[in-house]
Amino acid sequence: MLLFRLPPPLIFLLTAGAMSLVTDLCPGAALPLPLHASWSLAAGCGVISLVLSGWASWSFHRAGTTVDPRHPEQTHTLITHGVYRLSRNPMYLALLLLLLGWSLILANGLALLGLPLCFWYLDRFQVRTEEQQLQQRFTVDYHAYQRRVRRWL
C-alpha cells in the first residue's frame, strides 16, 4: 500500500467545496463574467472532462486493469494507447477541467486559486508517487513511455 493518499475524486470534491466556501466568504472577489458565457464555458469543460475520463476508464476496463491509483499492486497492464498517447494523466486532467468549469460558474477570483492548488497537490502527491510505482513495475516499458508522452499535455 502506498503512503496515505486520498482518492482523486475526494480531492476534487474537497477542492470544489473549498472553492464554494471561499466564494461564500469573499463575495467581493466576484469576477464580472457574463452568466451565459461562464455557463457555456463551464459546460464545455464538463463535456471535455467526461470524454477524457470516459475514454481513459474504457482503456483500463478493456485492458482488465484497475483505475484505482491507491492499489498499484492490482495494476497488471501499462496503458499507452488511446488517450494515453496524448497524456500520461488524462483522468487527472479531466478532474482539473471540471474544477475549471466549477470556477467559471462560481466566478470568484479567490476561488480560482483552488485550481493551481489542486494541480500542485495532484502533481506532487499523486502523480509522482504513481510514477514511481509504475517505474518499479514496468521498468523499461515505462521509461520508454515517459520519453514518448508528457506527464500532463
Protein backbone atom coordinates (compact mmCIF):
# COMPACT_ATOMS: atom_id res chain seq x y z
CA MET A 1 0.00 0.00 0.00
CA LEU A 2 1.22 3.49 -0.83
CA LEU A 3 1.65 6.30 1.64
CA PHE A 4 -1.65 7.70 2.87
CA ARG A 5 -3.35 9.33 -0.09
CA LEU A 6 -6.89 10.44 -0.69
CA PRO A 7 -8.88 9.03 -3.61
CA PRO A 8 -8.68 11.52 -6.52
CA PRO A 9 -12.48 12.07 -6.66
CA LEU A 10 -12.38 13.04 -2.98
CA ILE A 11 -9.56 15.51 -3.68
CA PHE A 12 -11.77 17.01 -6.39
CA LEU A 13 -14.78 17.24 -4.08
CA LEU A 14 -12.77 18.79 -1.23
CA THR A 15 -11.27 21.36 -3.60
CA ALA A 16 -14.65 22.17 -5.16
CA GLY A 17 -16.13 22.56 -1.67
CA ALA A 18 -13.31 24.85 -0.57
CA MET A 19 -13.81 26.92 -3.72
CA SER A 20 -17.52 27.26 -2.88
CA LEU A 21 -16.71 28.23 0.69
CA VAL A 22 -14.26 30.90 -0.46
CA THR A 23 -16.92 32.23 -2.83
CA ASP A 24 -19.42 32.50 0.02
CA LEU A 25 -16.92 34.06 2.43
CA CYS A 26 -15.45 36.53 -0.08
CA PRO A 27 -18.23 37.76 -2.36
CA GLY A 28 -16.19 40.92 -3.04
CA ALA A 29 -13.80 38.85 -5.18
CA ALA A 30 -16.53 38.15 -7.73
CA LEU A 31 -15.43 38.27 -11.36
CA PRO A 32 -17.57 40.20 -13.85
CA LEU A 33 -18.27 37.25 -16.14
CA PRO A 34 -21.46 37.26 -18.21
CA LEU A 35 -23.66 34.45 -16.91
CA HIS A 36 -24.25 32.87 -20.32
CA ALA A 37 -20.53 32.88 -21.13
CA SER A 38 -19.42 31.34 -17.85
CA TRP A 39 -22.05 28.60 -18.01
CA SER A 40 -21.26 27.86 -21.67
CA LEU A 41 -17.55 27.59 -20.98
CA ALA A 42 -18.22 25.51 -17.88
CA ALA A 43 -20.41 23.15 -19.90
CA GLY A 44 -17.63 22.83 -22.49
CA CYS A 45 -15.15 21.96 -19.75
CA GLY A 46 -17.60 19.39 -18.41
CA VAL A 47 -18.09 17.72 -21.78
CA ILE A 48 -14.36 17.53 -22.48
CA SER A 49 -13.82 16.19 -18.96
CA LEU A 50 -16.41 13.46 -19.47
CA VAL A 51 -14.88 12.45 -22.79
CA LEU A 52 -11.36 12.31 -21.32
CA SER A 53 -12.33 10.36 -18.22
CA GLY A 54 -14.64 8.02 -20.15
CA TRP A 55 -12.00 7.29 -22.77
CA ALA A 56 -9.35 6.71 -20.10
CA SER A 57 -11.61 4.49 -17.98
CA TRP A 58 -12.65 2.48 -21.02
CA SER A 59 -8.97 1.86 -21.84
CA PHE A 60 -8.39 0.50 -18.34
CA HIS A 61 -11.54 -1.64 -18.44
CA ARG A 62 -10.62 -3.04 -21.84
CA ALA A 63 -7.15 -3.97 -20.57
CA GLY A 64 -8.61 -5.58 -17.43
CA THR A 65 -6.60 -3.48 -15.01
CA THR A 66 -7.53 -1.19 -12.13
CA VAL A 67 -8.20 2.54 -12.35
CA ASP A 68 -7.69 2.95 -8.60
CA PRO A 69 -4.27 4.55 -8.06
CA ARG A 70 -4.30 3.61 -4.38
CA HIS A 71 -3.75 -0.06 -5.26
CA PRO A 72 -0.77 -0.27 -7.61
CA GLU A 73 -0.40 -3.97 -6.81
CA GLN A 74 -3.59 -4.50 -8.85
CA THR A 75 -2.09 -2.85 -11.94
CA HIS A 76 -1.48 -5.60 -14.48
CA THR A 77 -1.04 -3.65 -17.70
CA LEU A 78 0.67 -0.43 -18.71
CA ILE A 79 -1.87 1.54 -20.76
CA THR A 80 -0.14 3.52 -23.53
CA HIS A 81 -2.81 3.64 -26.22
CA GLY A 82 -5.91 5.77 -26.79
CA VAL A 83 -5.92 8.99 -24.80
CA TYR A 84 -2.77 7.80 -23.02
CA ARG A 85 -0.85 8.56 -26.22
CA LEU A 86 -1.55 12.26 -25.53
CA SER A 87 -1.10 12.46 -21.75
CA ARG A 88 0.08 10.15 -19.00
CA ASN A 89 -2.63 11.59 -16.72
CA PRO A 90 -5.88 12.16 -18.63
CA MET A 91 -8.07 11.29 -15.64
CA TYR A 92 -6.41 13.97 -13.53
CA LEU A 93 -6.71 16.40 -16.43
CA ALA A 94 -10.42 15.59 -16.53
CA LEU A 95 -10.75 16.42 -12.81
CA LEU A 96 -8.89 19.69 -13.31
CA LEU A 97 -11.15 20.59 -16.23
CA LEU A 98 -14.17 20.02 -14.01
CA LEU A 99 -12.64 22.34 -11.43
CA LEU A 100 -12.03 24.93 -14.13
CA GLY A 101 -15.69 24.67 -15.13
CA TRP A 102 -16.75 24.96 -11.49
CA SER A 103 -14.57 28.05 -11.02
CA LEU A 104 -16.23 29.63 -14.07
CA ILE A 105 -19.65 29.01 -12.56
CA LEU A 106 -18.53 30.43 -9.20
CA ALA A 107 -16.97 33.46 -10.96
CA ASN A 108 -14.81 34.34 -7.97
CA GLY A 109 -11.17 35.33 -8.26
CA LEU A 110 -10.16 33.73 -4.96
CA ALA A 111 -11.97 30.50 -5.82
CA LEU A 112 -9.77 30.26 -8.91
CA LEU A 113 -6.85 29.56 -6.57
CA GLY A 114 -8.32 26.11 -6.00
CA LEU A 115 -7.29 25.08 -9.50
CA PRO A 116 -3.50 25.60 -9.20
CA LEU A 117 -3.55 24.28 -5.63
CA CYS A 118 -5.29 21.10 -6.73
CA PHE A 119 -2.89 20.76 -9.67
CA TRP A 120 0.09 21.15 -7.34
CA TYR A 121 -1.29 18.55 -4.91
CA LEU A 122 -2.07 16.05 -7.66
CA ASP A 123 1.30 16.52 -9.34
CA ARG A 124 3.30 16.37 -6.13
CA PHE A 125 1.50 13.73 -4.09
CA GLN A 126 -0.47 11.61 -6.54
CA VAL A 127 1.24 11.56 -9.92
CA ARG A 128 4.85 11.36 -8.79
CA THR A 129 4.09 8.55 -6.35
CA GLU A 130 2.17 6.65 -9.03
CA GLU A 131 5.03 7.14 -11.49
CA GLN A 132 7.49 5.65 -9.00
CA GLN A 133 5.24 2.60 -8.64
CA LEU A 134 4.87 2.24 -12.41
CA GLN A 135 8.64 2.56 -12.88
CA GLN A 136 9.19 -0.27 -10.41
CA ARG A 137 6.54 -2.45 -12.01
CA PHE A 138 7.14 -1.82 -15.73
CA THR A 139 10.76 -0.50 -15.70
CA VAL A 140 11.94 -0.38 -19.33
CA ASP A 141 8.47 -0.07 -20.86
CA TYR A 142 7.52 2.77 -18.52
CA HIS A 143 10.75 4.67 -19.16
CA ALA A 144 10.12 4.42 -22.91
CA TYR A 145 6.54 5.62 -22.35
CA GLN A 146 7.78 8.58 -20.29
CA ARG A 147 10.07 9.60 -23.12
CA ARG A 148 7.22 9.46 -25.68
CA VAL A 149 4.37 11.03 -23.70
CA ARG A 150 4.35 14.11 -21.50
CA ARG A 151 3.13 13.95 -17.91
CA TRP A 152 0.28 16.41 -18.45
CA LEU A 153 -0.04 17.73 -22.01
